[in-house]
Structures are given as C-alpha cells and as structure tokens.
Amino acid sequence: MSACELAVSPALRKVLNIELSEHFDYRSIHSFRRFCRERFDCETEVIIDMAATRYIDSSGVALLMCLYQWIKAPLVTVIVVNCAPAVETLLRRSICKDKIVIY
C-alpha cells in the first residue's frame, strides 16, 4: 500500500496534490520520501490532503515536518489541509511553522 497518491492536473503543472492514505505512520517513511523526492523539481505549490488519514504516528508527523527540506525549489509553498487538530498543533509548534500553511 502506498503512503500517498498523486493527483496532478496536466494543465496545472504548478500544483502537486498529495492525498495521504488512511494510516500515515512508520510504514510510510520510504514510499513517501521516494514519492516526494521524485516529484519536487518545479512545482510551486504542494497540497497535502489528510482527509482520509485516520491514524498518524510520530514518524508521520516527522515526515510532514521534513517535507520542506526535501523540496528542491526554494519558492515552493506547502499547504496541509484536512488535518486533525492534534497534528495541526504539532505542525504549528514545529521549526517549519513558517514554511507550511495549514488550512
């Protein structure tokens, strides 16, 4: 099972939508990292949709916080949507709080 799914509109190549799976945990580390590193070259906006995510552990939270470091383009905006209140609190208190927008 993959940690995420790619949903990119061919006409809108400047937006990368990542839909996380139901469980975003330590089992997701390798596939999520590989997925992200292969696709972060020129997109200007990355949207992480956590609507389907029912379980996230500390590894999953760490992956979200590391996400910005993996992006090769410095002007990329990372947006997290539909996340649980506890995850939102952790991300807002993290060192990457200025780099990740939470809706």
N, C-alpha and C. Protein backbone atom coordinates (compact mmCIF):
# COMPACT_ATOMS: atom_id res chain seq x y z
N MET A 1 0.84 -1.18 0.00
CA MET A 1 0.00 0.00 0.00
C MET A 1 0.88 1.24 0.00
N SER A 2 0.57 2.17 -0.84
CA SER A 2 1.34 3.40 -0.94
C SER A 2 0.91 4.38 0.14
N ALA A 3 1.85 5.22 0.55
CA ALA A 3 1.56 6.21 1.58
C ALA A 3 0.76 7.38 1.04
N CYS A 4 0.78 7.56 -0.27
CA CYS A 4 0.10 8.71 -0.84
C CYS A 4 -0.25 8.43 -2.29
N GLU A 5 -1.11 9.26 -2.83
CA GLU A 5 -1.48 9.16 -4.22
C GLU A 5 -1.27 10.51 -4.88
N LEU A 6 -0.86 10.48 -6.11
CA LEU A 6 -0.63 11.70 -6.87
C LEU A 6 -1.88 12.08 -7.62
N ALA A 7 -2.27 13.33 -7.51
CA ALA A 7 -3.42 13.84 -8.24
C ALA A 7 -3.02 15.17 -8.85
N VAL A 8 -2.44 15.14 -10.06
CA VAL A 8 -1.95 16.35 -10.71
C VAL A 8 -2.74 16.58 -11.99
N SER A 9 -3.24 17.77 -12.14
CA SER A 9 -3.92 18.13 -13.37
C SER A 9 -2.87 18.49 -14.41
N PRO A 10 -2.90 17.87 -15.60
CA PRO A 10 -1.88 18.17 -16.62
C PRO A 10 -1.82 19.64 -17.00
N ALA A 11 -2.97 20.32 -16.94
CA ALA A 11 -2.99 21.75 -17.30
C ALA A 11 -2.42 22.63 -16.20
N LEU A 12 -2.39 22.13 -14.97
CA LEU A 12 -1.93 22.94 -13.84
C LEU A 12 -0.66 22.32 -13.24
N ARG A 13 0.40 22.31 -13.97
CA ARG A 13 1.62 21.67 -13.54
C ARG A 13 2.28 22.37 -12.36
N LYS A 14 1.77 23.52 -11.94
CA LYS A 14 2.38 24.23 -10.83
C LYS A 14 1.79 23.85 -9.49
N VAL A 15 0.87 22.89 -9.46
CA VAL A 15 0.28 22.43 -8.21
C VAL A 15 0.44 20.91 -8.14
N LEU A 16 0.94 20.43 -7.01
CA LEU A 16 1.07 19.00 -6.76
C LEU A 16 0.20 18.65 -5.58
N ASN A 17 -0.83 17.83 -5.80
CA ASN A 17 -1.73 17.40 -4.74
C ASN A 17 -1.31 16.01 -4.28
N ILE A 18 -1.10 15.86 -2.98
CA ILE A 18 -0.76 14.57 -2.41
C ILE A 18 -1.86 14.20 -1.42
N GLU A 19 -2.51 13.07 -1.67
CA GLU A 19 -3.56 12.58 -0.79
C GLU A 19 -2.97 11.46 0.06
N LEU A 20 -2.87 11.68 1.36
CA LEU A 20 -2.29 10.68 2.24
C LEU A 20 -3.26 9.53 2.47
N SER A 21 -2.71 8.37 2.75
CA SER A 21 -3.53 7.18 2.98
C SER A 21 -4.15 7.21 4.38
N GLU A 22 -4.93 6.20 4.68
CA GLU A 22 -5.62 6.12 5.97
C GLU A 22 -4.65 6.04 7.14
N HIS A 23 -3.56 5.30 6.97
CA HIS A 23 -2.54 5.18 8.00
C HIS A 23 -1.25 5.83 7.49
N PHE A 24 -0.84 6.90 8.14
CA PHE A 24 0.40 7.59 7.76
C PHE A 24 1.33 7.45 8.95
N ASP A 25 2.16 6.41 8.90
CA ASP A 25 2.98 6.06 10.06
C ASP A 25 4.35 5.59 9.61
N TYR A 26 5.06 4.89 10.49
CA TYR A 26 6.42 4.46 10.21
C TYR A 26 6.51 3.60 8.94
N ARG A 27 5.44 2.91 8.58
CA ARG A 27 5.44 2.11 7.36
C ARG A 27 5.44 2.97 6.10
N SER A 28 5.13 4.25 6.25
CA SER A 28 5.03 5.16 5.11
C SER A 28 6.34 5.86 4.78
N ILE A 29 7.33 5.75 5.65
CA ILE A 29 8.54 6.55 5.51
C ILE A 29 9.20 6.41 4.15
N HIS A 30 9.52 5.20 3.73
CA HIS A 30 10.28 5.02 2.49
C HIS A 30 9.48 5.40 1.25
N SER A 31 8.21 4.99 1.19
CA SER A 31 7.43 5.31 -0.01
C SER A 31 7.13 6.81 -0.10
N PHE A 32 6.85 7.46 1.02
CA PHE A 32 6.57 8.89 1.00
C PHE A 32 7.81 9.69 0.62
N ARG A 33 8.95 9.33 1.19
CA ARG A 33 10.19 10.03 0.87
C ARG A 33 10.53 9.88 -0.61
N ARG A 34 10.44 8.65 -1.12
CA ARG A 34 10.74 8.40 -2.54
C ARG A 34 9.75 9.16 -3.43
N PHE A 35 8.49 9.10 -3.08
CA PHE A 35 7.45 9.79 -3.83
C PHE A 35 7.75 11.28 -3.92
N CYS A 36 8.08 11.88 -2.78
CA CYS A 36 8.33 13.33 -2.73
C CYS A 36 9.59 13.72 -3.47
N ARG A 37 10.65 13.02 -3.27
CA ARG A 37 11.91 13.38 -3.91
C ARG A 37 11.87 13.26 -5.43
N GLU A 38 11.04 12.37 -5.94
CA GLU A 38 10.93 12.20 -7.39
C GLU A 38 10.11 13.31 -8.04
N ARG A 39 9.33 14.04 -7.29
CA ARG A 39 8.39 14.97 -7.89
C ARG A 39 8.60 16.44 -7.54
N PHE A 40 9.49 16.77 -6.66
CA PHE A 40 9.65 18.16 -6.24
C PHE A 40 10.76 18.85 -6.99
N ASP A 41 10.54 19.11 -8.27
CA ASP A 41 11.53 19.84 -9.04
C ASP A 41 11.07 21.25 -9.39
N CYS A 42 9.84 21.37 -9.90
CA CYS A 42 9.42 22.68 -10.40
C CYS A 42 8.05 23.12 -9.91
N GLU A 43 7.35 22.30 -9.14
CA GLU A 43 6.04 22.71 -8.67
C GLU A 43 6.15 23.93 -7.75
N THR A 44 5.18 24.81 -7.80
CA THR A 44 5.23 26.00 -6.97
C THR A 44 4.30 25.89 -5.77
N GLU A 45 3.47 24.88 -5.74
CA GLU A 45 2.57 24.70 -4.61
C GLU A 45 2.35 23.20 -4.40
N VAL A 46 2.48 22.76 -3.17
CA VAL A 46 2.27 21.36 -2.81
C VAL A 46 1.13 21.33 -1.80
N ILE A 47 0.09 20.56 -2.09
CA ILE A 47 -1.05 20.44 -1.18
C ILE A 47 -1.08 19.02 -0.63
N ILE A 48 -1.00 18.91 0.68
CA ILE A 48 -1.09 17.63 1.37
C ILE A 48 -2.50 17.50 1.94
N ASP A 49 -3.27 16.57 1.41
CA ASP A 49 -4.65 16.38 1.86
C ASP A 49 -4.70 15.20 2.82
N MET A 50 -5.10 15.46 4.05
CA MET A 50 -5.15 14.42 5.08
C MET A 50 -6.59 13.99 5.39
N ALA A 51 -7.51 14.23 4.46
CA ALA A 51 -8.92 13.91 4.71
C ALA A 51 -9.14 12.43 4.99
N ALA A 52 -8.41 11.54 4.33
CA ALA A 52 -8.59 10.10 4.52
C ALA A 52 -7.75 9.55 5.66
N THR A 53 -6.87 10.35 6.21
CA THR A 53 -5.94 9.87 7.24
C THR A 53 -6.65 9.74 8.57
N ARG A 54 -6.68 8.52 9.10
CA ARG A 54 -7.32 8.25 10.38
C ARG A 54 -6.30 8.01 11.48
N TYR A 55 -5.07 7.66 11.09
CA TYR A 55 -4.04 7.37 12.09
C TYR A 55 -2.72 7.95 11.60
N ILE A 56 -2.06 8.68 12.47
CA ILE A 56 -0.73 9.20 12.17
C ILE A 56 0.10 9.07 13.44
N ASP A 57 1.31 8.56 13.30
CA ASP A 57 2.19 8.45 14.46
C ASP A 57 3.29 9.49 14.36
N SER A 58 4.25 9.44 15.27
CA SER A 58 5.32 10.44 15.30
C SER A 58 6.15 10.42 14.02
N SER A 59 6.29 9.26 13.39
CA SER A 59 7.02 9.18 12.12
C SER A 59 6.29 9.95 11.03
N GLY A 60 4.98 9.85 11.00
CA GLY A 60 4.19 10.59 10.02
C GLY A 60 4.29 12.09 10.23
N VAL A 61 4.24 12.52 11.48
CA VAL A 61 4.39 13.95 11.78
C VAL A 61 5.78 14.43 11.36
N ALA A 62 6.79 13.62 11.64
CA ALA A 62 8.16 13.97 11.26
C ALA A 62 8.30 14.07 9.74
N LEU A 63 7.64 13.19 9.00
CA LEU A 63 7.68 13.27 7.54
C LEU A 63 7.10 14.58 7.05
N LEU A 64 6.01 15.02 7.65
CA LEU A 64 5.43 16.30 7.24
C LEU A 64 6.38 17.46 7.55
N MET A 65 7.06 17.38 8.67
CA MET A 65 7.99 18.45 9.03
C MET A 65 9.25 18.42 8.16
N CYS A 66 9.64 17.25 7.67
CA CYS A 66 10.81 17.13 6.81
C CYS A 66 10.50 17.46 5.35
N LEU A 67 9.24 17.47 5.02
CA LEU A 67 8.82 17.66 3.64
C LEU A 67 9.47 18.88 2.99
N TYR A 68 9.47 19.98 3.68
CA TYR A 68 10.02 21.20 3.10
C TYR A 68 11.51 21.06 2.76
N GLN A 69 12.24 20.31 3.57
CA GLN A 69 13.67 20.11 3.33
C GLN A 69 13.93 19.30 2.06
N TRP A 70 13.00 18.42 1.69
CA TRP A 70 13.18 17.58 0.52
C TRP A 70 12.89 18.30 -0.78
N ILE A 71 12.19 19.41 -0.70
CA ILE A 71 11.81 20.13 -1.91
C ILE A 71 13.04 20.87 -2.43
N LYS A 72 13.30 20.68 -3.71
CA LYS A 72 14.50 21.28 -4.31
C LYS A 72 14.30 22.75 -4.67
N ALA A 73 13.07 23.16 -4.94
CA ALA A 73 12.80 24.54 -5.32
C ALA A 73 12.50 25.37 -4.07
N PRO A 74 13.27 26.43 -3.81
CA PRO A 74 13.10 27.20 -2.57
C PRO A 74 11.80 28.01 -2.47
N LEU A 75 11.13 28.26 -3.56
CA LEU A 75 9.92 29.08 -3.52
C LEU A 75 8.63 28.26 -3.45
N VAL A 76 8.73 26.98 -3.22
CA VAL A 76 7.56 26.12 -3.14
C VAL A 76 6.79 26.40 -1.86
N THR A 77 5.46 26.44 -1.98
CA THR A 77 4.58 26.58 -0.83
C THR A 77 4.00 25.22 -0.49
N VAL A 78 4.04 24.83 0.78
CA VAL A 78 3.46 23.57 1.23
C VAL A 78 2.21 23.89 2.03
N ILE A 79 1.09 23.30 1.62
CA ILE A 79 -0.19 23.53 2.27
C ILE A 79 -0.72 22.19 2.78
N VAL A 80 -1.09 22.14 4.05
CA VAL A 80 -1.68 20.94 4.64
C VAL A 80 -3.16 21.24 4.88
N VAL A 81 -4.02 20.38 4.34
CA VAL A 81 -5.46 20.57 4.52
C VAL A 81 -6.08 19.33 5.17
N ASN A 82 -7.18 19.55 5.85
CA ASN A 82 -7.97 18.48 6.46
C ASN A 82 -7.19 17.64 7.48
N CYS A 83 -6.32 18.28 8.26
CA CYS A 83 -5.59 17.50 9.25
C CYS A 83 -6.28 17.57 10.61
N ALA A 84 -6.01 16.57 11.41
CA ALA A 84 -6.59 16.50 12.75
C ALA A 84 -6.06 17.65 13.61
N PRO A 85 -6.83 18.12 14.58
CA PRO A 85 -6.39 19.23 15.44
C PRO A 85 -5.05 18.98 16.14
N ALA A 86 -4.81 17.76 16.59
CA ALA A 86 -3.55 17.46 17.28
C ALA A 86 -2.35 17.59 16.33
N VAL A 87 -2.52 17.13 15.09
CA VAL A 87 -1.45 17.26 14.10
C VAL A 87 -1.22 18.73 13.76
N GLU A 88 -2.30 19.47 13.63
CA GLU A 88 -2.19 20.90 13.35
C GLU A 88 -1.40 21.60 14.45
N THR A 89 -1.68 21.28 15.69
CA THR A 89 -0.97 21.88 16.82
C THR A 89 0.52 21.57 16.76
N LEU A 90 0.86 20.31 16.48
CA LEU A 90 2.28 19.94 16.38
C LEU A 90 2.99 20.68 15.26
N LEU A 91 2.35 20.78 14.11
CA LEU A 91 2.97 21.47 12.98
C LEU A 91 3.12 22.96 13.25
N ARG A 92 2.14 23.55 13.91
CA ARG A 92 2.23 24.99 14.22
C ARG A 92 3.32 25.29 15.24
N ARG A 93 3.68 24.31 16.06
CA ARG A 93 4.73 24.50 17.06
C ARG A 93 6.11 24.07 16.56
N SER A 94 6.18 23.48 15.38
CA SER A 94 7.44 22.94 14.87
C SER A 94 8.33 24.05 14.30
N ILE A 95 9.56 23.67 13.98
CA ILE A 95 10.51 24.63 13.43
C ILE A 95 10.16 25.01 11.99
N CYS A 96 9.28 24.24 11.36
CA CYS A 96 8.91 24.55 9.97
C CYS A 96 7.59 25.31 9.89
N LYS A 97 7.14 25.86 11.00
CA LYS A 97 5.83 26.53 11.02
C LYS A 97 5.72 27.69 10.04
N ASP A 98 6.82 28.32 9.70
CA ASP A 98 6.80 29.43 8.75
C ASP A 98 6.78 28.96 7.30
N LYS A 99 7.04 27.68 7.08
CA LYS A 99 7.14 27.14 5.73
C LYS A 99 5.94 26.32 5.31
N ILE A 100 5.09 25.94 6.28
CA ILE A 100 3.92 25.12 5.99
C ILE A 100 2.67 25.89 6.37
N VAL A 101 1.74 26.01 5.41
CA VAL A 101 0.46 26.67 5.64
C VAL A 101 -0.55 25.59 5.97
N ILE A 102 -1.35 25.80 7.02
CA ILE A 102 -2.33 24.81 7.44
C ILE A 102 -3.73 25.39 7.31
N TYR A 103 -4.59 24.66 6.60
CA TYR A 103 -6.00 25.04 6.46
C TYR A 103 -6.87 24.00 7.08
